[in-house]
Amino acid sequence: MAKIQAFIATVMCGFSTFTVVPASNYFRHIPLDSGSITNEAWQMTGSNLKDAIDKVGVQVNGKSKG
C-alpha cells in the first residue's frame, strides 16, 4: 500500500508542475507586423555578409592565415 501511495504522490507532484493558464507572456517577443521581421532579417543577412566578406578579404590579402 505504501508503494501505491508513493506512486500516486509522485504522479500528483508531476501534474502540479503543469498549469492550464501560464503566467508568462511569450507573445511579447513576437513582432506585431511582418515588416519588422523582414527588416530584422535583412539587417542580420547584411551583417553576416559583411563579416564573411571581411574575413575572406583578410585571408586573400595574406594578413591572416586562419
PDB file of N, CA and C in Angstrom:
ATOM      1  N   MET A   1       0.826  -1.203   0.000  1.00  0.00           N
ATOM      2  CA  MET A   1       0.000   0.000   0.000  1.00  0.00           C
ATOM      3  C   MET A   1       0.870   1.268   0.000  1.00  0.00           C
ATOM      4  N   ALA A   2       1.996   1.204   0.695  1.00  0.00           N
ATOM      5  CA  ALA A   2       2.883   2.362   0.775  1.00  0.00           C
ATOM      6  C   ALA A   2       3.472   2.692  -0.595  1.00  0.00           C
ATOM      7  N   LYS A   3       3.739   1.643  -1.380  1.00  0.00           N
ATOM      8  CA  LYS A   3       4.287   1.876  -2.724  1.00  0.00           C
ATOM      9  C   LYS A   3       3.256   2.562  -3.619  1.00  0.00           C
ATOM     10  N   ILE A   4       2.008   2.175  -3.470  1.00  0.00           N
ATOM     11  CA  ILE A   4       0.945   2.783  -4.264  1.00  0.00           C
ATOM     12  C   ILE A   4       0.770   4.248  -3.874  1.00  0.00           C
ATOM     13  N   GLN A   5       0.817   4.531  -2.576  1.00  0.00           N
ATOM     14  CA  GLN A   5       0.684   5.919  -2.115  1.00  0.00           C
ATOM     15  C   GLN A   5       1.862   6.760  -2.598  1.00  0.00           C
ATOM     16  N   ALA A   6       3.067   6.181  -2.568  1.00  0.00           N
ATOM     17  CA  ALA A   6       4.246   6.904  -3.039  1.00  0.00           C
ATOM     18  C   ALA A   6       4.141   7.178  -4.537  1.00  0.00           C
ATOM     19  N   PHE A   7       3.640   6.203  -5.291  1.00  0.00           N
ATOM     20  CA  PHE A   7       3.467   6.385  -6.731  1.00  0.00           C
ATOM     21  C   PHE A   7       2.439   7.474  -7.022  1.00  0.00           C
ATOM     22  N   ILE A   8       1.336   7.449  -6.315  1.00  0.00           N
ATOM     23  CA  ILE A   8       0.294   8.470  -6.508  1.00  0.00           C
ATOM     24  C   ILE A   8       0.836   9.851  -6.147  1.00  0.00           C
ATOM     25  N   ALA A   9       1.605   9.943  -5.071  1.00  0.00           N
ATOM     26  CA  ALA A   9       2.192  11.223  -4.673  1.00  0.00           C
ATOM     27  C   ALA A   9       3.153  11.727  -5.749  1.00  0.00           C
ATOM     28  N   THR A  10       3.931  10.819  -6.329  1.00  0.00           N
ATOM     29  CA  THR A  10       4.867  11.202  -7.388  1.00  0.00           C
ATOM     30  C   THR A  10       4.116  11.719  -8.608  1.00  0.00           C
ATOM     31  N   VAL A  11       3.067  11.026  -8.992  1.00  0.00           N
ATOM     32  CA  VAL A  11       2.272  11.440 -10.146  1.00  0.00           C
ATOM     33  C   VAL A  11       1.626  12.796  -9.886  1.00  0.00           C
ATOM     34  N   MET A  12       1.093  12.994  -8.696  1.00  0.00           N
ATOM     35  CA  MET A  12       0.442  14.272  -8.382  1.00  0.00           C
ATOM     36  C   MET A  12       1.456  15.418  -8.363  1.00  0.00           C
ATOM     37  N   CYS A  13       2.654  15.163  -7.875  1.00  0.00           N
ATOM     38  CA  CYS A  13       3.696  16.197  -7.901  1.00  0.00           C
ATOM     39  C   CYS A  13       4.062  16.538  -9.350  1.00  0.00           C
ATOM     40  N   GLY A  14       4.083  15.527 -10.197  1.00  0.00           N
ATOM     41  CA  GLY A  14       4.379  15.768 -11.606  1.00  0.00           C
ATOM     42  C   GLY A  14       3.309  16.611 -12.273  1.00  0.00           C
ATOM     43  N   PHE A  15       2.046  16.340 -11.956  1.00  0.00           N
ATOM     44  CA  PHE A  15       0.947  17.114 -12.532  1.00  0.00           C
ATOM     45  C   PHE A  15       0.936  18.550 -12.025  1.00  0.00           C
ATOM     46  N   SER A  16       1.436  18.767 -10.827  1.00  0.00           N
ATOM     47  CA  SER A  16       1.397  20.118 -10.273  1.00  0.00           C
ATOM     48  C   SER A  16       2.384  21.061 -10.964  1.00  0.00           C
ATOM     49  N   THR A  17       3.313  20.494 -11.750  1.00  0.00           N
ATOM     50  CA  THR A  17       4.264  21.360 -12.458  1.00  0.00           C
ATOM     51  C   THR A  17       3.655  21.973 -13.705  1.00  0.00           C
ATOM     52  N   PHE A  18       2.528  21.446 -14.166  1.00  0.00           N
ATOM     53  CA  PHE A  18       1.851  21.973 -15.349  1.00  0.00           C
ATOM     54  C   PHE A  18       0.729  22.909 -14.929  1.00  0.00           C
ATOM     55  N   THR A  19       0.517  23.921 -15.740  1.00  0.00           N
ATOM     56  CA  THR A  19      -0.564  24.848 -15.462  1.00  0.00           C
ATOM     57  C   THR A  19      -1.381  25.058 -16.734  1.00  0.00           C
ATOM     58  N   VAL A  20      -2.655  25.231 -16.554  1.00  0.00           N
ATOM     59  CA  VAL A  20      -3.539  25.440 -17.697  1.00  0.00           C
ATOM     60  C   VAL A  20      -3.396  26.868 -18.215  1.00  0.00           C
ATOM     61  N   VAL A  21      -3.185  27.813 -17.321  1.00  0.00           N
ATOM     62  CA  VAL A  21      -3.062  29.221 -17.687  1.00  0.00           C
ATOM     63  C   VAL A  21      -1.678  29.703 -17.235  1.00  0.00           C
ATOM     64  N   PRO A  22      -0.686  29.698 -18.134  1.00  0.00           N
ATOM     65  CA  PRO A  22       0.659  30.121 -17.735  1.00  0.00           C
ATOM     66  C   PRO A  22       0.722  31.625 -17.438  1.00  0.00           C
ATOM     67  N   ALA A  23       1.624  31.985 -16.544  1.00  0.00           N
ATOM     68  CA  ALA A  23       1.790  33.391 -16.170  1.00  0.00           C
ATOM     69  C   ALA A  23       2.702  34.130 -17.156  1.00  0.00           C
ATOM     70  N   SER A  24       3.510  33.399 -17.910  1.00  0.00           N
ATOM     71  CA  SER A  24       4.440  34.024 -18.850  1.00  0.00           C
ATOM     72  C   SER A  24       3.719  34.439 -20.119  1.00  0.00           C
ATOM     73  N   ASN A  25       4.101  35.597 -20.632  1.00  0.00           N
ATOM     74  CA  ASN A  25       3.540  36.086 -21.891  1.00  0.00           C
ATOM     75  C   ASN A  25       4.608  35.924 -22.975  1.00  0.00           C
ATOM     76  N   TYR A  26       4.548  34.816 -23.678  1.00  0.00           N
ATOM     77  CA  TYR A  26       5.551  34.535 -24.700  1.00  0.00           C
ATOM     78  C   TYR A  26       5.341  35.361 -25.957  1.00  0.00           C
ATOM     79  N   PHE A  27       4.171  35.930 -26.147  1.00  0.00           N
ATOM     80  CA  PHE A  27       3.878  36.706 -27.343  1.00  0.00           C
ATOM     81  C   PHE A  27       4.534  38.082 -27.330  1.00  0.00           C
ATOM     82  N   ARG A  28       5.028  38.536 -26.188  1.00  0.00           N
ATOM     83  CA  ARG A  28       5.633  39.874 -26.146  1.00  0.00           C
ATOM     84  C   ARG A  28       6.920  39.942 -26.950  1.00  0.00           C
ATOM     85  N   HIS A  29       7.526  38.795 -27.251  1.00  0.00           N
ATOM     86  CA  HIS A  29       8.767  38.775 -28.027  1.00  0.00           C
ATOM     87  C   HIS A  29       8.514  38.636 -29.523  1.00  0.00           C
ATOM     88  N   ILE A  30       7.261  38.508 -29.925  1.00  0.00           N
ATOM     89  CA  ILE A  30       6.918  38.350 -31.334  1.00  0.00           C
ATOM     90  C   ILE A  30       6.489  39.704 -31.885  1.00  0.00           C
ATOM     91  N   PRO A  31       7.130  40.180 -32.941  1.00  0.00           N
ATOM     92  CA  PRO A  31       6.735  41.465 -33.532  1.00  0.00           C
ATOM     93  C   PRO A  31       5.287  41.428 -34.034  1.00  0.00           C
ATOM     94  N   LEU A  32       4.658  42.603 -34.038  1.00  0.00           N
ATOM     95  CA  LEU A  32       3.261  42.690 -34.429  1.00  0.00           C
ATOM     96  C   LEU A  32       3.052  42.651 -35.937  1.00  0.00           C
ATOM     97  N   ASP A  33       4.079  43.046 -36.716  1.00  0.00           N
ATOM     98  CA  ASP A  33       3.892  43.066 -38.160  1.00  0.00           C
ATOM     99  C   ASP A  33       5.037  42.348 -38.867  1.00  0.00           C
ATOM    100  N   SER A  34       4.767  41.927 -40.087  1.00  0.00           N
ATOM    101  CA  SER A  34       5.761  41.176 -40.848  1.00  0.00           C
ATOM    102  C   SER A  34       6.893  42.072 -41.338  1.00  0.00           C
ATOM    103  N   GLY A  35       6.628  43.360 -41.479  1.00  0.00           N
ATOM    104  CA  GLY A  35       7.661  44.286 -41.951  1.00  0.00           C
ATOM    105  C   GLY A  35       8.844  44.353 -41.008  1.00  0.00           C
ATOM    106  N   SER A  36       8.588  44.376 -39.718  1.00  0.00           N
ATOM    107  CA  SER A  36       9.697  44.447 -38.763  1.00  0.00           C
ATOM    108  C   SER A  36      10.488  43.141 -38.742  1.00  0.00           C
ATOM    109  N   ILE A  37       9.812  42.026 -38.973  1.00  0.00           N
ATOM    110  CA  ILE A  37      10.516  40.740 -39.058  1.00  0.00           C
ATOM    111  C   ILE A  37      11.426  40.744 -40.285  1.00  0.00           C
ATOM    112  N   THR A  38      10.907  41.227 -41.414  1.00  0.00           N
ATOM    113  CA  THR A  38      11.684  41.277 -42.647  1.00  0.00           C
ATOM    114  C   THR A  38      12.878  42.217 -42.506  1.00  0.00           C
ATOM    115  N   ASN A  39      12.665  43.381 -41.910  1.00  0.00           N
ATOM    116  CA  ASN A  39      13.767  44.331 -41.723  1.00  0.00           C
ATOM    117  C   ASN A  39      14.859  43.750 -40.843  1.00  0.00           C
ATOM    118  N   GLU A  40      14.469  43.089 -39.774  1.00  0.00           N
ATOM    119  CA  GLU A  40      15.469  42.488 -38.887  1.00  0.00           C
ATOM    120  C   GLU A  40      16.236  41.377 -39.611  1.00  0.00           C
ATOM    121  N   ALA A  41      15.527  40.586 -40.415  1.00  0.00           N
ATOM    122  CA  ALA A  41      16.182  39.515 -41.161  1.00  0.00           C
ATOM    123  C   ALA A  41      17.184  40.081 -42.167  1.00  0.00           C
ATOM    124  N   TRP A  42      16.825  41.173 -42.861  1.00  0.00           N
ATOM    125  CA  TRP A  42      17.756  41.786 -43.809  1.00  0.00           C
ATOM    126  C   TRP A  42      18.958  42.386 -43.093  1.00  0.00           C
ATOM    127  N   GLN A  43      18.742  42.965 -41.928  1.00  0.00           N
ATOM    128  CA  GLN A  43      19.860  43.504 -41.146  1.00  0.00           C
ATOM    129  C   GLN A  43      20.829  42.390 -40.763  1.00  0.00           C
ATOM    130  N   MET A  44      20.282  41.261 -40.331  1.00  0.00           N
ATOM    131  CA  MET A  44      21.134  40.127 -39.952  1.00  0.00           C
ATOM    132  C   MET A  44      21.864  39.569 -41.171  1.00  0.00           C
ATOM    133  N   THR A  45      21.176  39.490 -42.314  1.00  0.00           N
ATOM    134  CA  THR A  45      21.795  38.991 -43.540  1.00  0.00           C
ATOM    135  C   THR A  45      22.937  39.903 -43.969  1.00  0.00           C
ATOM    136  N   GLY A  46      22.697  41.209 -43.955  1.00  0.00           N
ATOM    137  CA  GLY A  46      23.742  42.158 -44.334  1.00  0.00           C
ATOM    138  C   GLY A  46      24.933  42.108 -43.400  1.00  0.00           C
ATOM    139  N   SER A  47      24.671  41.997 -42.123  1.00  0.00           N
ATOM    140  CA  SER A  47      25.755  41.926 -41.142  1.00  0.00           C
ATOM    141  C   SER A  47      26.592  40.664 -41.339  1.00  0.00           C
ATOM    142  N   ASN A  48      25.923  39.534 -41.547  1.00  0.00           N
ATOM    143  CA  ASN A  48      26.653  38.280 -41.771  1.00  0.00           C
ATOM    144  C   ASN A  48      27.430  38.315 -43.084  1.00  0.00           C
ATOM    145  N   LEU A  49      26.859  38.905 -44.108  1.00  0.00           N
ATOM    146  CA  LEU A  49      27.551  39.019 -45.396  1.00  0.00           C
ATOM    147  C   LEU A  49      28.786  39.905 -45.272  1.00  0.00           C
ATOM    148  N   LYS A  50      28.662  41.020 -44.565  1.00  0.00           N
ATOM    149  CA  LYS A  50      29.809  41.906 -44.365  1.00  0.00           C
ATOM    150  C   LYS A  50      30.918  41.197 -43.587  1.00  0.00           C
ATOM    151  N   ASP A  51      30.539  40.461 -42.540  1.00  0.00           N
ATOM    152  CA  ASP A  51      31.542  39.720 -41.772  1.00  0.00           C
ATOM    153  C   ASP A  51      32.260  38.691 -42.642  1.00  0.00           C
ATOM    154  N   ALA A  52      31.504  37.999 -43.500  1.00  0.00           N
ATOM    155  CA  ALA A  52      32.107  36.996 -44.384  1.00  0.00           C
ATOM    156  C   ALA A  52      33.049  37.639 -45.392  1.00  0.00           C
ATOM    157  N   ILE A  53      32.623  38.762 -45.969  1.00  0.00           N
ATOM    158  CA  ILE A  53      33.471  39.464 -46.940  1.00  0.00           C
ATOM    159  C   ILE A  53      34.743  39.962 -46.270  1.00  0.00           C
ATOM    160  N   ASP A  54      34.621  40.513 -45.071  1.00  0.00           N
ATOM    161  CA  ASP A  54      35.809  40.986 -44.354  1.00  0.00           C
ATOM    162  C   ASP A  54      36.756  39.836 -44.044  1.00  0.00           C
ATOM    163  N   LYS A  55      36.221  38.693 -43.633  1.00  0.00           N
ATOM    164  CA  LYS A  55      37.058  37.545 -43.298  1.00  0.00           C
ATOM    165  C   LYS A  55      37.787  37.026 -44.528  1.00  0.00           C
ATOM    166  N   VAL A  56      37.085  36.899 -45.640  1.00  0.00           N
ATOM    167  CA  VAL A  56      37.702  36.410 -46.871  1.00  0.00           C
ATOM    168  C   VAL A  56      38.720  37.420 -47.387  1.00  0.00           C
ATOM    169  N   GLY A  57      38.401  38.705 -47.284  1.00  0.00           N
ATOM    170  CA  GLY A  57      39.330  39.748 -47.727  1.00  0.00           C
ATOM    171  C   GLY A  57      40.634  39.699 -46.966  1.00  0.00           C
ATOM    172  N   VAL A  58      40.562  39.454 -45.670  1.00  0.00           N
ATOM    173  CA  VAL A  58      41.778  39.370 -44.858  1.00  0.00           C
ATOM    174  C   VAL A  58      42.581  38.142 -45.268  1.00  0.00           C
ATOM    175  N   GLN A  59      41.901  37.024 -45.518  1.00  0.00           N
ATOM    176  CA  GLN A  59      42.613  35.804 -45.898  1.00  0.00           C
ATOM    177  C   GLN A  59      43.242  35.936 -47.281  1.00  0.00           C
ATOM    178  N   VAL A  60      42.579  36.588 -48.218  1.00  0.00           N
ATOM    179  CA  VAL A  60      43.108  36.754 -49.571  1.00  0.00           C
ATOM    180  C   VAL A  60      44.296  37.693 -49.563  1.00  0.00           C
ATOM    181  N   ASN A  61      44.231  38.741 -48.765  1.00  0.00           N
ATOM    182  CA  ASN A  61      45.329  39.714 -48.713  1.00  0.00           C
ATOM    183  C   ASN A  61      46.535  39.180 -47.948  1.00  0.00           C
ATOM    184  N   GLY A  62      46.407  38.029 -47.314  1.00  0.00           N
ATOM    185  CA  GLY A  62      47.542  37.399 -46.645  1.00  0.00           C
ATOM    186  C   GLY A  62      47.828  37.943 -45.270  1.00  0.00           C
ATOM    187  N   LYS A  63      46.945  38.732 -44.708  1.00  0.00           N
ATOM    188  CA  LYS A  63      47.196  39.298 -43.393  1.00  0.00           C
ATOM    189  C   LYS A  63      46.997  38.277 -42.279  1.00  0.00           C
ATOM    190  N   SER A  64      46.200  37.255 -42.561  1.00  0.00           N
ATOM    191  CA  SER A  64      45.920  36.248 -41.565  1.00  0.00           C
ATOM    192  C   SER A  64      45.815  34.893 -42.229  1.00  0.00           C
ATOM    193  N   LYS A  65      46.299  33.867 -41.581  1.00  0.00           N
ATOM    194  CA  LYS A  65      46.189  32.502 -42.117  1.00  0.00           C
ATOM    195  C   LYS A  65      45.323  31.698 -41.164  1.00  0.00           C
ATOM    196  N   GLY A  66      44.024  31.972 -41.156  1.00  0.00           N
ATOM    197  CA  GLY A  66      43.148  31.311 -40.206  1.00  0.00           C
ATOM    198  C   GLY A  66      42.086  30.641 -40.889  1.00  0.00           C
TER     199      GLY A  66
END
